[in-house]
Amino acid sequence: MRRFTKPIRLVAGLLTGLLFAALAVPLSAEPVRQHHQFYDISKEVTLSGTVSNVVAKAAAGTLPGPHLVFVTSSGKVDASLGRFALQGKAPLSVAPGKEVAVTGLMKTIEGRQVFVARIVRVNGKAYTLRNQHGVSMSPLSRERAGQKAAQKGETL
């Protein structure tokens, strides 16, 4: 029996050291960042204008997915709508000549200015196209978010 006590003590000592090391790691960890690197919701702006074009497929070198080109008092804006904006049961419905209010962030991607749209308001309806981190919402996730908002009596 005596020959097994040294390996057991060694294993117990190693496990104890591992436990203390695991407990110490969170104490020295960096704080969690409050915003996503690509999309910082605290810097969002809302631009209003008249739709001049809806582009179903993005040009090479821009963000993938459909784009909305609209004219503001400051000039033309190319807004990326996210991959799924024109898909699903309740896709974004907008046409040239319509007045829109688009909430998002202006970004420079491969040397081009593009407005990353998160919410588009048109005809009294708000279409949430991206989440608070700037990630495109699929048709199913948009539907679920709309159901949750309706249950709470909110509008998106």
N, C-alpha and C. Protein backbone atom coordinates (compact mmCIF):
# COMPACT_ATOMS: atom_id res chain seq x y z
N MET A 1 0.81 -1.20 0.00
CA MET A 1 0.00 0.00 0.00
C MET A 1 0.85 1.27 0.00
N ARG A 2 1.97 1.23 0.58
CA ARG A 2 2.81 2.40 0.71
C ARG A 2 3.34 2.90 -0.63
N ARG A 3 3.46 2.05 -1.60
CA ARG A 3 4.02 2.45 -2.88
C ARG A 3 3.08 3.36 -3.68
N PHE A 4 1.77 3.41 -3.37
CA PHE A 4 0.82 4.25 -4.11
C PHE A 4 0.65 5.64 -3.51
N THR A 5 1.14 5.89 -2.32
CA THR A 5 0.91 7.18 -1.68
C THR A 5 1.67 8.31 -2.35
N LYS A 6 2.87 8.09 -2.85
CA LYS A 6 3.63 9.15 -3.51
C LYS A 6 2.95 9.61 -4.81
N PRO A 7 2.53 8.69 -5.70
CA PRO A 7 1.84 9.15 -6.92
C PRO A 7 0.51 9.86 -6.59
N ILE A 8 -0.20 9.40 -5.58
CA ILE A 8 -1.47 10.03 -5.22
C ILE A 8 -1.22 11.45 -4.71
N ARG A 9 -0.20 11.62 -3.88
CA ARG A 9 0.14 12.95 -3.39
C ARG A 9 0.56 13.87 -4.54
N LEU A 10 1.31 13.33 -5.47
CA LEU A 10 1.77 14.10 -6.62
C LEU A 10 0.58 14.57 -7.47
N VAL A 11 -0.32 13.65 -7.74
CA VAL A 11 -1.51 13.98 -8.53
C VAL A 11 -2.38 14.99 -7.78
N ALA A 12 -2.57 14.79 -6.50
CA ALA A 12 -3.38 15.72 -5.70
C ALA A 12 -2.74 17.11 -5.70
N GLY A 13 -1.43 17.17 -5.58
CA GLY A 13 -0.73 18.45 -5.60
C GLY A 13 -0.88 19.15 -6.96
N LEU A 14 -0.75 18.39 -8.04
CA LEU A 14 -0.91 18.96 -9.38
C LEU A 14 -2.33 19.47 -9.61
N LEU A 15 -3.33 18.70 -9.18
CA LEU A 15 -4.72 19.12 -9.33
C LEU A 15 -5.02 20.37 -8.51
N THR A 16 -4.47 20.45 -7.30
CA THR A 16 -4.66 21.63 -6.46
C THR A 16 -4.03 22.86 -7.13
N GLY A 17 -2.84 22.70 -7.66
CA GLY A 17 -2.17 23.80 -8.36
C GLY A 17 -2.95 24.24 -9.59
N LEU A 18 -3.50 23.29 -10.32
CA LEU A 18 -4.32 23.60 -11.49
C LEU A 18 -5.58 24.35 -11.09
N LEU A 19 -6.20 23.94 -9.99
CA LEU A 19 -7.39 24.62 -9.51
C LEU A 19 -7.09 26.08 -9.15
N PHE A 20 -6.00 26.32 -8.43
CA PHE A 20 -5.63 27.70 -8.09
C PHE A 20 -5.30 28.52 -9.33
N ALA A 21 -4.64 27.91 -10.30
CA ALA A 21 -4.32 28.62 -11.54
C ALA A 21 -5.60 28.99 -12.29
N ALA A 22 -6.55 28.10 -12.34
CA ALA A 22 -7.81 28.37 -13.03
C ALA A 22 -8.59 29.48 -12.32
N LEU A 23 -8.56 29.52 -11.02
CA LEU A 23 -9.26 30.56 -10.27
C LEU A 23 -8.58 31.92 -10.42
N ALA A 24 -7.29 31.94 -10.65
CA ALA A 24 -6.56 33.20 -10.74
C ALA A 24 -6.71 33.86 -12.11
N VAL A 25 -6.99 33.10 -13.14
CA VAL A 25 -7.06 33.65 -14.50
C VAL A 25 -8.10 34.76 -14.62
N PRO A 26 -9.36 34.60 -14.19
CA PRO A 26 -10.33 35.68 -14.36
C PRO A 26 -9.95 36.97 -13.63
N LEU A 27 -9.15 36.86 -12.58
CA LEU A 27 -8.77 38.05 -11.83
C LEU A 27 -7.87 38.97 -12.64
N SER A 28 -7.11 38.40 -13.56
CA SER A 28 -6.21 39.22 -14.35
C SER A 28 -6.69 39.41 -15.79
N ALA A 29 -7.89 38.94 -16.11
CA ALA A 29 -8.42 39.07 -17.46
C ALA A 29 -8.78 40.52 -17.76
N GLU A 30 -8.76 40.87 -19.05
CA GLU A 30 -9.12 42.23 -19.47
C GLU A 30 -10.62 42.43 -19.37
N PRO A 31 -11.08 43.66 -19.16
CA PRO A 31 -12.52 43.91 -19.10
C PRO A 31 -13.17 43.66 -20.45
N VAL A 32 -14.44 43.30 -20.45
CA VAL A 32 -15.18 43.04 -21.66
C VAL A 32 -15.45 44.36 -22.38
N ARG A 33 -15.23 44.38 -23.68
CA ARG A 33 -15.48 45.60 -24.45
C ARG A 33 -16.97 45.77 -24.65
N GLN A 34 -17.42 47.00 -24.65
CA GLN A 34 -18.84 47.31 -24.73
C GLN A 34 -19.36 47.47 -26.16
N HIS A 35 -18.49 47.53 -27.15
CA HIS A 35 -18.98 47.67 -28.51
C HIS A 35 -18.24 46.72 -29.45
N HIS A 36 -18.86 46.45 -30.56
CA HIS A 36 -18.30 45.59 -31.58
C HIS A 36 -17.29 46.40 -32.39
N GLN A 37 -16.21 45.78 -32.85
CA GLN A 37 -15.18 46.51 -33.58
C GLN A 37 -15.72 47.14 -34.86
N PHE A 38 -16.59 46.46 -35.57
CA PHE A 38 -17.09 46.95 -36.84
C PHE A 38 -18.20 47.98 -36.66
N TYR A 39 -19.04 47.78 -35.67
CA TYR A 39 -20.24 48.62 -35.53
C TYR A 39 -20.38 49.09 -34.10
N ASP A 40 -20.24 50.40 -33.89
CA ASP A 40 -20.38 50.99 -32.56
C ASP A 40 -21.70 51.74 -32.51
N ILE A 41 -22.72 51.14 -31.89
CA ILE A 41 -24.07 51.68 -31.88
C ILE A 41 -24.14 53.08 -31.26
N SER A 42 -23.19 53.41 -30.40
CA SER A 42 -23.20 54.74 -29.78
C SER A 42 -22.89 55.86 -30.78
N LYS A 43 -22.40 55.49 -31.97
CA LYS A 43 -22.04 56.49 -32.99
C LYS A 43 -23.05 56.52 -34.14
N GLU A 44 -24.19 55.89 -33.96
CA GLU A 44 -25.21 55.86 -35.00
C GLU A 44 -25.76 57.25 -35.30
N VAL A 45 -26.15 57.44 -36.56
CA VAL A 45 -26.84 58.66 -36.97
C VAL A 45 -28.02 58.25 -37.85
N THR A 46 -28.98 59.15 -38.00
CA THR A 46 -30.12 58.91 -38.89
C THR A 46 -30.08 59.94 -40.01
N LEU A 47 -30.08 59.43 -41.24
CA LEU A 47 -30.07 60.28 -42.43
C LEU A 47 -31.42 60.15 -43.13
N SER A 48 -31.94 61.26 -43.62
CA SER A 48 -33.22 61.24 -44.33
C SER A 48 -33.01 61.71 -45.76
N GLY A 49 -33.79 61.13 -46.66
CA GLY A 49 -33.68 61.54 -48.05
C GLY A 49 -34.67 60.82 -48.93
N THR A 50 -34.47 60.98 -50.24
CA THR A 50 -35.34 60.39 -51.25
C THR A 50 -34.59 59.28 -51.97
N VAL A 51 -35.23 58.12 -52.08
CA VAL A 51 -34.61 56.96 -52.73
C VAL A 51 -34.43 57.24 -54.21
N SER A 52 -33.21 57.00 -54.71
CA SER A 52 -32.96 57.15 -56.14
C SER A 52 -32.79 55.78 -56.80
N ASN A 53 -32.37 54.77 -56.03
CA ASN A 53 -32.14 53.45 -56.62
C ASN A 53 -32.06 52.38 -55.52
N VAL A 54 -32.57 51.20 -55.83
CA VAL A 54 -32.39 50.02 -54.97
C VAL A 54 -31.60 49.02 -55.79
N VAL A 55 -30.39 48.69 -55.31
CA VAL A 55 -29.49 47.79 -56.03
C VAL A 55 -29.57 46.42 -55.36
N ALA A 56 -30.06 45.41 -56.10
CA ALA A 56 -30.26 44.09 -55.52
C ALA A 56 -28.94 43.37 -55.22
N LYS A 57 -27.91 43.62 -56.01
CA LYS A 57 -26.62 42.95 -55.81
C LYS A 57 -25.52 44.01 -55.78
N ALA A 58 -24.71 43.97 -54.75
CA ALA A 58 -23.65 44.97 -54.56
C ALA A 58 -22.57 44.88 -55.63
N ALA A 59 -21.98 46.01 -55.90
CA ALA A 59 -20.84 46.07 -56.81
C ALA A 59 -19.61 45.46 -56.13
N ALA A 60 -18.69 45.00 -56.92
CA ALA A 60 -17.45 44.43 -56.38
C ALA A 60 -16.73 45.47 -55.54
N GLY A 61 -16.18 45.05 -54.41
CA GLY A 61 -15.43 45.94 -53.54
C GLY A 61 -16.26 46.63 -52.48
N THR A 62 -17.57 46.34 -52.43
CA THR A 62 -18.42 46.92 -51.39
C THR A 62 -18.97 45.79 -50.53
N LEU A 63 -19.72 46.17 -49.51
CA LEU A 63 -20.32 45.15 -48.65
C LEU A 63 -21.32 44.32 -49.46
N PRO A 64 -21.35 43.01 -49.25
CA PRO A 64 -22.27 42.16 -50.02
C PRO A 64 -23.73 42.43 -49.68
N GLY A 65 -24.60 42.07 -50.61
CA GLY A 65 -26.02 42.23 -50.40
C GLY A 65 -26.57 43.47 -51.07
N PRO A 66 -27.87 43.68 -50.92
CA PRO A 66 -28.50 44.83 -51.57
C PRO A 66 -28.07 46.16 -50.96
N HIS A 67 -28.16 47.20 -51.78
CA HIS A 67 -27.82 48.57 -51.35
C HIS A 67 -28.98 49.49 -51.71
N LEU A 68 -29.12 50.52 -50.92
CA LEU A 68 -30.13 51.55 -51.14
C LEU A 68 -29.38 52.85 -51.40
N VAL A 69 -29.63 53.45 -52.55
CA VAL A 69 -29.01 54.73 -52.84
C VAL A 69 -30.09 55.79 -52.67
N PHE A 70 -29.79 56.77 -51.78
CA PHE A 70 -30.76 57.84 -51.55
C PHE A 70 -30.04 59.18 -51.50
N VAL A 71 -30.81 60.24 -51.77
CA VAL A 71 -30.24 61.58 -51.85
C VAL A 71 -30.69 62.37 -50.63
N THR A 72 -29.71 62.92 -49.91
CA THR A 72 -29.97 63.77 -48.75
C THR A 72 -29.67 65.21 -49.14
N SER A 73 -29.85 66.13 -48.22
CA SER A 73 -29.52 67.53 -48.49
C SER A 73 -28.01 67.71 -48.68
N SER A 74 -27.20 66.75 -48.21
CA SER A 74 -25.75 66.82 -48.34
C SER A 74 -25.21 66.05 -49.54
N GLY A 75 -26.07 65.31 -50.23
CA GLY A 75 -25.62 64.54 -51.39
C GLY A 75 -26.12 63.11 -51.38
N LYS A 76 -25.56 62.32 -52.29
CA LYS A 76 -25.96 60.94 -52.49
C LYS A 76 -25.32 60.03 -51.43
N VAL A 77 -26.10 59.06 -50.93
CA VAL A 77 -25.61 58.12 -49.92
C VAL A 77 -25.85 56.70 -50.42
N ASP A 78 -24.80 55.87 -50.35
CA ASP A 78 -24.92 54.44 -50.66
C ASP A 78 -25.05 53.71 -49.34
N ALA A 79 -26.20 53.10 -49.09
CA ALA A 79 -26.45 52.39 -47.83
C ALA A 79 -26.48 50.89 -48.06
N SER A 80 -25.62 50.18 -47.36
CA SER A 80 -25.63 48.72 -47.39
C SER A 80 -26.77 48.24 -46.50
N LEU A 81 -27.64 47.40 -47.05
CA LEU A 81 -28.82 46.96 -46.32
C LEU A 81 -28.64 45.62 -45.61
N GLY A 82 -27.53 44.94 -45.82
CA GLY A 82 -27.34 43.62 -45.21
C GLY A 82 -27.83 42.55 -46.17
N ARG A 83 -27.33 41.37 -46.01
CA ARG A 83 -27.59 40.28 -46.97
C ARG A 83 -29.05 39.90 -47.11
N PHE A 84 -29.85 40.05 -46.05
CA PHE A 84 -31.19 39.49 -46.05
C PHE A 84 -32.32 40.52 -46.14
N ALA A 85 -32.01 41.78 -46.40
CA ALA A 85 -33.00 42.86 -46.34
C ALA A 85 -34.19 42.65 -47.27
N LEU A 86 -33.96 42.06 -48.44
CA LEU A 86 -35.02 41.90 -49.43
C LEU A 86 -35.59 40.49 -49.43
N GLN A 87 -35.33 39.71 -48.38
CA GLN A 87 -35.79 38.32 -48.30
C GLN A 87 -36.74 38.12 -47.14
N GLY A 88 -37.48 37.02 -47.16
CA GLY A 88 -38.35 36.64 -46.05
C GLY A 88 -39.79 37.07 -46.23
N LYS A 89 -40.59 36.85 -45.16
CA LYS A 89 -42.02 37.16 -45.18
C LYS A 89 -42.30 38.66 -45.24
N ALA A 90 -41.48 39.45 -44.58
CA ALA A 90 -41.69 40.90 -44.54
C ALA A 90 -40.40 41.61 -44.96
N PRO A 91 -40.02 41.49 -46.24
CA PRO A 91 -38.78 42.15 -46.68
C PRO A 91 -38.96 43.66 -46.76
N LEU A 92 -37.85 44.35 -46.80
CA LEU A 92 -37.87 45.80 -46.98
C LEU A 92 -38.56 46.11 -48.30
N SER A 93 -39.52 46.98 -48.25
CA SER A 93 -40.27 47.37 -49.44
C SER A 93 -40.07 48.87 -49.67
N VAL A 94 -39.28 49.19 -50.67
CA VAL A 94 -38.97 50.58 -50.96
C VAL A 94 -38.75 50.73 -52.47
N ALA A 95 -39.09 51.88 -52.99
CA ALA A 95 -38.95 52.13 -54.42
C ALA A 95 -38.41 53.55 -54.64
N PRO A 96 -37.83 53.80 -55.82
CA PRO A 96 -37.35 55.15 -56.13
C PRO A 96 -38.46 56.18 -55.95
N GLY A 97 -38.07 57.33 -55.40
CA GLY A 97 -39.01 58.41 -55.15
C GLY A 97 -39.57 58.45 -53.74
N LYS A 98 -39.43 57.36 -52.99
CA LYS A 98 -39.94 57.29 -51.62
C LYS A 98 -39.01 58.02 -50.66
N GLU A 99 -39.61 58.63 -49.65
CA GLU A 99 -38.84 59.28 -48.58
C GLU A 99 -38.46 58.21 -47.56
N VAL A 100 -37.20 58.22 -47.13
CA VAL A 100 -36.71 57.25 -46.15
C VAL A 100 -35.93 57.95 -45.05
N ALA A 101 -35.87 57.30 -43.90
CA ALA A 101 -34.98 57.69 -42.80
C ALA A 101 -34.17 56.44 -42.48
N VAL A 102 -32.86 56.53 -42.60
CA VAL A 102 -31.99 55.38 -42.44
C VAL A 102 -31.06 55.61 -41.26
N THR A 103 -31.07 54.69 -40.31
CA THR A 103 -30.22 54.78 -39.12
C THR A 103 -29.06 53.80 -39.29
N GLY A 104 -27.85 54.28 -39.05
CA GLY A 104 -26.67 53.43 -39.18
C GLY A 104 -25.39 54.21 -38.97
N LEU A 105 -24.31 53.69 -39.55
CA LEU A 105 -22.97 54.29 -39.43
C LEU A 105 -22.32 54.43 -40.79
N MET A 106 -21.59 55.51 -40.98
CA MET A 106 -20.80 55.68 -42.20
C MET A 106 -19.46 54.98 -41.98
N LYS A 107 -19.06 54.15 -42.94
CA LYS A 107 -17.79 53.43 -42.87
C LYS A 107 -17.04 53.61 -44.18
N THR A 108 -15.73 53.49 -44.13
CA THR A 108 -14.91 53.48 -45.33
C THR A 108 -14.44 52.05 -45.53
N ILE A 109 -14.84 51.45 -46.64
CA ILE A 109 -14.49 50.07 -46.93
C ILE A 109 -13.83 50.03 -48.30
N GLU A 110 -12.58 49.59 -48.31
CA GLU A 110 -11.76 49.55 -49.51
C GLU A 110 -11.77 50.89 -50.24
N GLY A 111 -11.63 51.97 -49.46
CA GLY A 111 -11.53 53.30 -50.03
C GLY A 111 -12.85 53.93 -50.45
N ARG A 112 -13.97 53.24 -50.21
CA ARG A 112 -15.28 53.77 -50.58
C ARG A 112 -16.11 54.04 -49.34
N GLN A 113 -16.87 55.15 -49.37
CA GLN A 113 -17.77 55.46 -48.26
C GLN A 113 -19.06 54.66 -48.44
N VAL A 114 -19.47 53.96 -47.40
CA VAL A 114 -20.74 53.23 -47.42
C VAL A 114 -21.42 53.42 -46.07
N PHE A 115 -22.71 53.63 -46.12
CA PHE A 115 -23.50 53.80 -44.91
C PHE A 115 -24.04 52.43 -44.54
N VAL A 116 -23.63 51.91 -43.39
CA VAL A 116 -24.08 50.59 -42.93
C VAL A 116 -25.42 50.79 -42.23
N ALA A 117 -26.49 50.43 -42.94
CA ALA A 117 -27.84 50.66 -42.44
C ALA A 117 -28.25 49.59 -41.44
N ARG A 118 -28.80 50.02 -40.31
CA ARG A 118 -29.33 49.09 -39.32
C ARG A 118 -30.86 49.12 -39.32
N ILE A 119 -31.44 50.31 -39.45
CA ILE A 119 -32.90 50.44 -39.47
C ILE A 119 -33.28 51.36 -40.64
N VAL A 120 -34.27 50.95 -41.42
CA VAL A 120 -34.79 51.78 -42.50
C VAL A 120 -36.26 52.03 -42.19
N ARG A 121 -36.64 53.30 -42.19
CA ARG A 121 -38.05 53.68 -41.98
C ARG A 121 -38.59 54.24 -43.30
N VAL A 122 -39.70 53.63 -43.75
CA VAL A 122 -40.35 54.06 -44.98
C VAL A 122 -41.83 53.75 -44.88
N ASN A 123 -42.67 54.65 -45.39
CA ASN A 123 -44.13 54.47 -45.36
C ASN A 123 -44.66 54.18 -43.96
N GLY A 124 -44.10 54.81 -42.94
CA GLY A 124 -44.57 54.62 -41.57
C GLY A 124 -44.18 53.30 -40.94
N LYS A 125 -43.31 52.54 -41.59
CA LYS A 125 -42.89 51.24 -41.06
C LYS A 125 -41.38 51.22 -40.89
N ALA A 126 -40.92 50.59 -39.79
CA ALA A 126 -39.48 50.46 -39.53
C ALA A 126 -39.04 49.03 -39.83
N TYR A 127 -37.99 48.90 -40.60
CA TYR A 127 -37.40 47.60 -40.93
C TYR A 127 -36.04 47.51 -40.23
N THR A 128 -35.92 46.62 -39.27
CA THR A 128 -34.64 46.42 -38.60
C THR A 128 -33.87 45.37 -39.38
N LEU A 129 -32.74 45.77 -39.97
CA LEU A 129 -31.98 44.91 -40.87
C LEU A 129 -30.74 44.31 -40.24
N ARG A 130 -30.23 44.97 -39.21
CA ARG A 130 -29.03 44.49 -38.51
C ARG A 130 -29.29 44.58 -37.01
N ASN A 131 -28.56 43.75 -36.25
CA ASN A 131 -28.67 43.84 -34.79
C ASN A 131 -27.78 44.96 -34.27
N GLN A 132 -27.70 45.13 -32.97
CA GLN A 132 -26.93 46.23 -32.38
C GLN A 132 -25.43 46.12 -32.61
N HIS A 133 -24.97 44.97 -33.14
CA HIS A 133 -23.54 44.78 -33.43
C HIS A 133 -23.24 44.96 -34.92
N GLY A 134 -24.28 45.28 -35.70
CA GLY A 134 -24.09 45.49 -37.13
C GLY A 134 -24.17 44.22 -37.95
N VAL A 135 -24.59 43.11 -37.35
CA VAL A 135 -24.69 41.83 -38.05
C VAL A 135 -26.06 41.74 -38.73
N SER A 136 -26.07 41.36 -40.01
CA SER A 136 -27.32 41.22 -40.75
C SER A 136 -28.24 40.23 -40.07
N MET A 137 -29.51 40.62 -39.95
CA MET A 137 -30.50 39.74 -39.34
C MET A 137 -31.18 38.92 -40.44
N SER A 138 -31.24 37.61 -40.24
CA SER A 138 -31.91 36.74 -41.20
C SER A 138 -33.41 37.00 -41.14
N PRO A 139 -34.16 36.57 -42.16
CA PRO A 139 -35.61 36.75 -42.12
C PRO A 139 -36.25 36.14 -40.87
N LEU A 140 -35.77 34.98 -40.44
CA LEU A 140 -36.33 34.33 -39.25
C LEU A 140 -36.04 35.14 -37.99
N SER A 141 -34.82 35.67 -37.86
CA SER A 141 -34.50 36.46 -36.66
C SER A 141 -35.27 37.78 -36.66
N ARG A 142 -35.50 38.38 -37.84
CA ARG A 142 -36.31 39.61 -37.92
C ARG A 142 -37.75 39.31 -37.50
N GLU A 143 -38.27 38.15 -37.93
CA GLU A 143 -39.63 37.77 -37.57
C GLU A 143 -39.77 37.58 -36.06
N ARG A 144 -38.78 36.89 -35.46
CA ARG A 144 -38.81 36.68 -34.00
C ARG A 144 -38.71 38.00 -33.25
N ALA A 145 -37.85 38.90 -33.71
CA ALA A 145 -37.70 40.20 -33.05
C ALA A 145 -39.01 40.99 -33.16
N GLY A 146 -39.68 40.91 -34.30
CA GLY A 146 -40.96 41.58 -34.47
C GLY A 146 -42.03 41.02 -33.55
N GLN A 147 -42.04 39.69 -33.37
CA GLN A 147 -43.01 39.06 -32.47
C GLN A 147 -42.77 39.47 -31.03
N LYS A 148 -41.51 39.51 -30.62
CA LYS A 148 -41.18 39.93 -29.25
C LYS A 148 -41.59 41.37 -29.01
N ALA A 149 -41.32 42.23 -29.99
CA ALA A 149 -41.70 43.65 -29.86
C ALA A 149 -43.22 43.79 -29.78
N ALA A 150 -43.95 43.01 -30.59
CA ALA A 150 -45.41 43.08 -30.57
C ALA A 150 -45.97 42.62 -29.24
N GLN A 151 -45.35 41.60 -28.63
CA GLN A 151 -45.78 41.12 -27.32
C GLN A 151 -45.59 42.19 -26.26
N LYS A 152 -44.55 42.99 -26.42
CA LYS A 152 -44.26 44.05 -25.44
C LYS A 152 -45.00 45.35 -25.78
N GLY A 153 -45.70 45.36 -26.94
CA GLY A 153 -46.41 46.55 -27.35
C GLY A 153 -45.52 47.60 -27.96
N GLU A 154 -44.33 47.20 -28.46
CA GLU A 154 -43.39 48.13 -29.05
C GLU A 154 -43.44 48.02 -30.56
N THR A 155 -42.83 48.99 -31.22
CA THR A 155 -42.62 48.90 -32.66
C THR A 155 -41.14 48.91 -32.91
N LEU A 156 -40.72 48.19 -33.94
CA LEU A 156 -39.29 48.13 -34.26
C LEU A 156 -38.83 49.35 -34.98
